[in-house]
Amino acid sequence: MVTETDLMLGDGRTLHAYDTGTGDGAAGLAVFWHHGTPGTGAPPEPLFAAAAARGIRWVSYDRPGYGGSTPHPGRDVVSAAADVAGVADALGIDRFAVMGVSGGSPHALACAAALPGRVLAAVSMAGLAPFGGEGLDWFAGMIPSGAAELRAASAGRAALEAYFASAGFDPEMFTPADHAALAGAWSWLATVAGQALEGDQGGMVDDDLAYVASWGCDPGQVSSPVLFVHGVQDRVVPSSHSQWLAGRCRSAELWLVPDEGPVSVLGSAVAALDWLGGHAARG
């Protein structure tokens, strides 16, 4: 069962939060799920059975501008840490793990960097590295439509909004394995992405602008164990991003999955939950 709550923050914003636990902080390991771009914060239904079997409590929220959360124009990636801390405090959760997928992965890493006393372990799946990272050709290997979107973001809000007004969905960003996953176990992703775009594209615009700006933190500050999982066939975010990140985080492990793309790599998510539970238990 998922409990949904609107939480008022100190700055007057509202975050729409989700919790599969009891709300008393006693339901096993709490894992904050950081959703992709676009998406809502609903915890991952395809992983509910695996999480329940492992005593994992999903906690999540709609990032600002998505779903029921107040927009926060100009937010940077590290602002997620304050939002997560606010949700955790409201739910009586002291320490927790984080798991991000695609656009959620930078936000999960930022929480690990900015909340070292609270984040026990982190998983980043198919995630971006910081824009302009030293020694990383950030756009290399991206499908042209994805690179065009992020180049528009680097030109500012107006350029990105103009890009979205004329661009359509590019099915070539996904591999055949991705399309199979979207037609099967991970069809849920299409549901939450559709829900995220029912109103406007404000959340997606703010996400993209944050990805091409300073994160506001250094992933090298992450001291808790962190696992990077990336499909080698990913054309949305090339696996070079996770390789770069893994080389800069002190307690990093890298899983490169040879035949997978940005969606089909989620076939490794249950194994990542086992990794997360094992490392969090040592924290």
Protein backbone atom coordinates (compact mmCIF):
# COMPACT_ATOMS: atom_id res chain seq x y z
CA MET A 1 0.00 0.00 0.00
CA VAL A 2 1.25 3.47 -0.89
CA THR A 3 0.34 6.43 1.31
CA GLU A 4 0.43 9.82 -0.42
CA THR A 5 0.90 13.04 1.56
CA ASP A 6 1.29 16.73 0.74
CA LEU A 7 4.06 18.14 2.93
CA MET A 8 4.52 21.85 3.49
CA LEU A 9 8.15 23.00 3.53
CA GLY A 10 9.57 25.92 5.46
CA ASP A 11 9.77 28.07 2.33
CA GLY A 12 6.04 27.60 1.66
CA ARG A 13 6.41 25.03 -1.11
CA THR A 14 4.50 21.75 -1.12
CA LEU A 15 6.05 18.37 -1.88
CA HIS A 16 3.81 15.46 -2.82
CA ALA A 17 5.35 12.45 -1.06
CA TYR A 18 4.81 8.68 -1.23
CA ASP A 19 5.49 6.04 1.40
CA THR A 20 4.99 2.26 1.33
CA GLY A 21 5.78 1.97 5.05
CA THR A 22 3.71 2.57 8.13
CA GLY A 23 4.90 6.12 8.64
CA ASP A 24 6.44 5.29 12.04
CA GLY A 25 9.98 4.69 10.77
CA ALA A 26 9.92 1.03 11.77
CA ALA A 27 9.29 -0.67 8.43
CA GLY A 28 12.78 -1.89 7.55
CA LEU A 29 15.29 -0.06 5.37
CA ALA A 30 13.87 3.14 3.92
CA VAL A 31 14.99 3.75 0.33
CA PHE A 32 14.30 7.10 -1.32
CA TRP A 33 13.41 6.56 -4.98
CA HIS A 34 14.45 9.39 -7.33
CA HIS A 35 12.38 9.31 -10.50
CA GLY A 36 13.46 9.89 -14.08
CA THR A 37 12.86 12.77 -16.49
CA PRO A 38 9.98 13.15 -17.08
CA GLY A 39 8.18 11.30 -14.32
CA THR A 40 6.31 11.47 -11.08
CA GLY A 41 7.65 10.26 -7.77
CA ALA A 42 5.42 7.22 -7.39
CA PRO A 43 7.63 4.40 -6.09
CA PRO A 44 8.50 1.68 -8.63
CA GLU A 45 5.66 -0.82 -8.85
CA PRO A 46 7.77 -3.37 -10.77
CA LEU A 47 10.03 -3.61 -7.72
CA PHE A 48 7.34 -3.81 -5.03
CA ALA A 49 7.48 -7.58 -4.59
CA ALA A 50 11.28 -7.66 -4.49
CA ALA A 51 11.38 -4.77 -2.03
CA ALA A 52 8.78 -6.36 0.27
CA ALA A 53 10.72 -9.60 0.30
CA ARG A 54 13.81 -7.66 1.40
CA GLY A 55 12.12 -5.51 4.03
CA ILE A 56 12.56 -2.34 1.99
CA ARG A 57 10.28 0.63 2.51
CA TRP A 58 9.97 2.91 -0.50
CA VAL A 59 9.79 6.65 0.14
CA SER A 60 9.68 9.17 -2.69
CA TYR A 61 8.29 12.49 -3.87
CA ASP A 62 7.42 14.37 -7.03
CA ARG A 63 10.35 16.65 -7.84
CA PRO A 64 9.32 20.33 -7.88
CA GLY A 65 7.22 21.12 -10.93
CA TYR A 66 5.97 17.55 -11.35
CA GLY A 67 2.69 16.08 -10.13
CA GLY A 68 1.57 17.58 -6.85
CA SER A 69 4.81 19.39 -5.96
CA THR A 70 5.15 23.16 -6.21
CA PRO A 71 7.46 24.35 -9.01
CA HIS A 72 10.85 25.64 -7.92
CA PRO A 73 12.34 27.44 -10.95
CA GLY A 74 16.09 27.77 -10.81
CA ARG A 75 16.53 24.71 -8.61
CA ASP A 76 19.86 22.94 -8.84
CA VAL A 77 20.55 19.25 -8.42
CA VAL A 78 21.67 19.50 -4.80
CA SER A 79 18.39 21.17 -3.80
CA ALA A 80 17.01 17.62 -3.76
CA ALA A 81 18.95 17.00 -0.55
CA ALA A 82 16.98 19.59 1.40
CA ASP A 83 13.73 18.27 -0.04
CA VAL A 84 14.59 14.69 0.88
CA ALA A 85 15.64 15.74 4.38
CA GLY A 86 12.30 17.51 4.77
CA VAL A 87 10.34 14.44 3.70
CA ALA A 88 12.43 12.16 5.93
CA ASP A 89 11.96 14.45 8.93
CA ALA A 90 8.20 14.59 8.38
CA LEU A 91 8.02 10.78 8.25
CA GLY A 92 10.31 10.25 11.24
CA ILE A 93 13.08 8.62 9.19
CA ASP A 94 16.61 9.27 10.45
CA ARG A 95 18.88 7.31 8.10
CA PHE A 96 18.06 5.90 4.69
CA ALA A 97 19.43 4.78 1.34
CA VAL A 98 18.84 6.44 -2.03
CA MET A 99 18.25 4.99 -5.50
CA GLY A 100 18.02 7.07 -8.66
CA VAL A 101 17.21 6.09 -12.22
CA SER A 102 18.20 8.15 -15.28
CA GLY A 103 17.37 11.80 -14.45
CA GLY A 104 16.87 10.84 -10.82
CA SER A 105 20.41 9.55 -10.44
CA PRO A 106 22.17 12.95 -10.13
CA HIS A 107 19.65 13.89 -7.44
CA ALA A 108 20.32 10.67 -5.52
CA LEU A 109 24.07 11.26 -5.68
CA ALA A 110 23.60 14.85 -4.52
CA CYS A 111 21.72 13.58 -1.47
CA ALA A 112 24.60 11.22 -0.68
CA ALA A 113 27.07 14.10 -1.04
CA ALA A 114 25.09 16.66 0.97
CA LEU A 115 23.64 14.36 3.67
CA PRO A 116 26.62 12.17 4.62
CA GLY A 117 25.32 11.48 8.12
CA ARG A 118 21.97 10.23 6.86
CA VAL A 119 22.53 8.43 3.54
CA LEU A 120 23.70 4.88 4.19
CA ALA A 121 24.31 3.85 0.58
CA ALA A 122 23.34 4.96 -2.92
CA VAL A 123 22.50 3.40 -6.28
CA SER A 124 22.73 5.37 -9.53
CA MET A 125 21.28 3.71 -12.63
CA ALA A 126 21.86 5.17 -16.11
CA GLY A 127 22.65 8.58 -14.65
CA LEU A 128 24.29 11.74 -15.96
CA ALA A 129 27.64 13.07 -14.76
CA PRO A 130 28.05 16.78 -14.00
CA PHE A 131 28.00 19.03 -17.05
CA GLY A 132 31.51 20.04 -18.08
CA GLY A 133 33.16 17.37 -15.93
CA GLU A 134 36.91 17.51 -16.39
CA GLY A 135 38.11 14.90 -18.86
CA LEU A 136 34.60 13.86 -19.92
CA ASP A 137 33.23 14.52 -23.41
CA TRP A 138 29.73 15.02 -22.01
CA PHE A 139 27.75 14.80 -25.27
CA ALA A 140 29.81 12.01 -26.88
CA GLY A 141 27.67 8.97 -27.70
CA MET A 142 24.31 10.66 -27.09
CA ILE A 143 21.62 10.17 -29.69
CA PRO A 144 21.33 13.43 -31.71
CA SER A 145 17.82 14.25 -30.45
CA GLY A 146 18.92 13.93 -26.82
CA ALA A 147 22.04 15.99 -27.38
CA ALA A 148 19.95 18.67 -29.13
CA GLU A 149 17.61 18.86 -26.14
CA LEU A 150 20.44 19.33 -23.66
CA ARG A 151 22.29 21.78 -25.91
CA ALA A 152 19.08 23.81 -26.01
CA ALA A 153 18.99 23.68 -22.21
CA SER A 154 22.55 25.01 -22.08
CA ALA A 155 21.30 28.03 -24.07
CA GLY A 156 18.69 28.84 -21.41
CA ARG A 157 15.03 28.40 -20.53
CA ALA A 158 13.62 30.17 -23.58
CA ALA A 159 15.71 28.07 -25.98
CA LEU A 160 14.71 24.85 -24.22
CA GLU A 161 11.01 25.72 -24.19
CA ALA A 162 11.24 26.53 -27.92
CA TYR A 163 12.91 23.17 -28.52
CA PHE A 164 10.14 21.30 -26.69
CA ALA A 165 7.49 23.23 -28.64
CA SER A 166 8.78 21.82 -31.93
CA ALA A 167 10.38 18.48 -31.03
CA GLY A 168 8.60 15.15 -30.83
CA PHE A 169 9.36 11.86 -29.14
CA ASP A 170 12.26 10.02 -30.76
CA PRO A 171 11.74 6.24 -30.47
CA GLU A 172 15.30 5.67 -31.70
CA MET A 173 16.60 6.74 -28.30
CA PHE A 174 15.61 3.29 -27.04
CA THR A 175 17.17 -0.01 -28.07
CA PRO A 176 15.08 -3.05 -29.04
CA ALA A 177 15.71 -4.38 -25.53
CA ASP A 178 14.34 -1.11 -24.10
CA HIS A 179 11.20 -1.33 -26.20
CA ALA A 180 10.69 -4.91 -25.03
CA ALA A 181 11.05 -3.82 -21.39
CA LEU A 182 8.57 -0.97 -21.93
CA ALA A 183 6.11 -3.43 -23.43
CA GLY A 184 6.58 -5.80 -20.51
CA ALA A 185 7.77 -5.50 -16.92
CA TRP A 186 8.58 -1.79 -17.11
CA SER A 187 5.45 -0.54 -18.91
CA TRP A 188 4.85 1.32 -15.65
CA LEU A 189 7.48 3.86 -16.72
CA ALA A 190 5.31 5.04 -19.59
CA THR A 191 2.45 5.56 -17.13
CA VAL A 192 4.39 7.82 -14.76
CA ALA A 193 6.00 9.72 -17.65
CA GLY A 194 2.56 10.35 -19.12
CA GLN A 195 1.24 11.54 -15.77
CA ALA A 196 4.18 13.92 -15.46
CA LEU A 197 3.29 15.61 -18.74
CA GLU A 198 -0.46 15.90 -18.19
CA GLY A 199 -0.16 19.54 -17.08
CA ASP A 200 2.86 21.23 -18.63
CA GLN A 201 6.55 20.56 -19.17
CA GLY A 202 7.75 22.78 -16.34
CA GLY A 203 9.26 19.98 -14.29
CA MET A 204 11.09 18.60 -17.30
CA VAL A 205 12.40 22.05 -18.23
CA ASP A 206 13.69 22.62 -14.69
CA ASP A 207 15.32 19.18 -14.66
CA ASP A 208 17.17 19.78 -17.94
CA LEU A 209 18.32 23.23 -16.86
CA ALA A 210 19.71 21.73 -13.65
CA TYR A 211 21.61 19.04 -15.56
CA VAL A 212 23.54 21.59 -17.63
CA ALA A 213 24.32 23.85 -14.66
CA SER A 214 26.50 23.31 -11.62
CA TRP A 215 25.07 20.59 -9.41
CA GLY A 216 25.88 22.69 -6.34
CA CYS A 217 27.89 19.80 -4.90
CA ASP A 218 30.79 17.58 -5.87
CA PRO A 219 30.02 13.86 -6.34
CA GLY A 220 33.55 13.27 -5.13
CA GLN A 221 32.24 14.25 -1.69
CA VAL A 222 30.14 11.07 -1.50
CA SER A 223 31.60 8.99 1.31
CA SER A 224 28.91 6.31 1.61
CA PRO A 225 29.07 3.24 -0.65
CA VAL A 226 27.68 3.96 -4.12
CA LEU A 227 26.84 1.60 -6.96
CA PHE A 228 26.75 2.76 -10.58
CA VAL A 229 24.78 0.58 -13.00
CA HIS A 230 24.76 1.43 -16.70
CA GLY A 231 23.82 -0.26 -19.94
CA VAL A 232 26.63 -0.18 -22.49
CA GLN A 233 24.08 0.32 -25.30
CA ASP A 234 22.54 3.41 -23.64
CA ARG A 235 22.08 6.16 -26.25
CA VAL A 236 20.32 8.60 -23.92
CA VAL A 237 23.10 8.84 -21.31
CA PRO A 238 26.26 7.05 -22.48
CA SER A 239 27.88 4.68 -20.02
CA SER A 240 30.97 6.90 -20.04
CA HIS A 241 29.08 9.10 -17.55
CA SER A 242 28.91 6.36 -14.92
CA GLN A 243 32.50 5.39 -15.63
CA TRP A 244 33.56 8.99 -15.01
CA LEU A 245 31.56 9.19 -11.79
CA ALA A 246 32.80 5.85 -10.47
CA GLY A 247 36.35 7.08 -10.91
CA ARG A 248 35.66 10.03 -8.63
CA CYS A 249 33.64 8.54 -5.78
CA ARG A 250 35.70 7.03 -2.98
CA SER A 251 33.58 3.96 -2.29
CA ALA A 252 32.23 3.26 -5.76
CA GLU A 253 31.39 0.04 -7.56
CA LEU A 254 30.58 0.00 -11.29
CA TRP A 255 28.37 -2.51 -13.12
CA LEU A 256 28.44 -2.13 -16.89
CA VAL A 257 25.70 -4.29 -18.44
CA PRO A 258 26.79 -5.15 -22.01
CA ASP A 259 23.54 -5.56 -23.98
CA GLU A 260 21.25 -3.12 -22.18
CA GLY A 261 19.92 0.38 -22.77
CA PRO A 262 18.45 3.00 -20.39
CA VAL A 263 15.26 1.03 -19.72
CA SER A 264 16.32 -2.59 -20.09
CA VAL A 265 19.17 -1.99 -17.62
CA LEU A 266 16.43 -1.93 -14.97
CA GLY A 267 16.54 -5.70 -15.25
CA SER A 268 19.51 -5.32 -12.88
CA ALA A 269 17.45 -3.38 -10.32
CA VAL A 270 16.68 -6.34 -8.05
CA ALA A 271 20.37 -7.22 -7.85
CA ALA A 272 21.04 -3.54 -7.09
CA LEU A 273 18.52 -3.72 -4.23
CA ASP A 274 20.46 -6.66 -2.79
CA TRP A 275 23.66 -4.63 -3.05
CA LEU A 276 21.95 -1.64 -1.44
CA GLY A 277 20.56 -3.65 1.46
CA GLY A 278 23.89 -5.32 2.15
CA HIS A 279 25.89 -2.08 2.17
CA ALA A 280 23.26 -0.09 4.08
CA ALA A 281 23.29 -2.72 6.82
CA ARG A 282 26.97 -2.00 7.42
CA GLY A 283 26.42 1.73 7.78
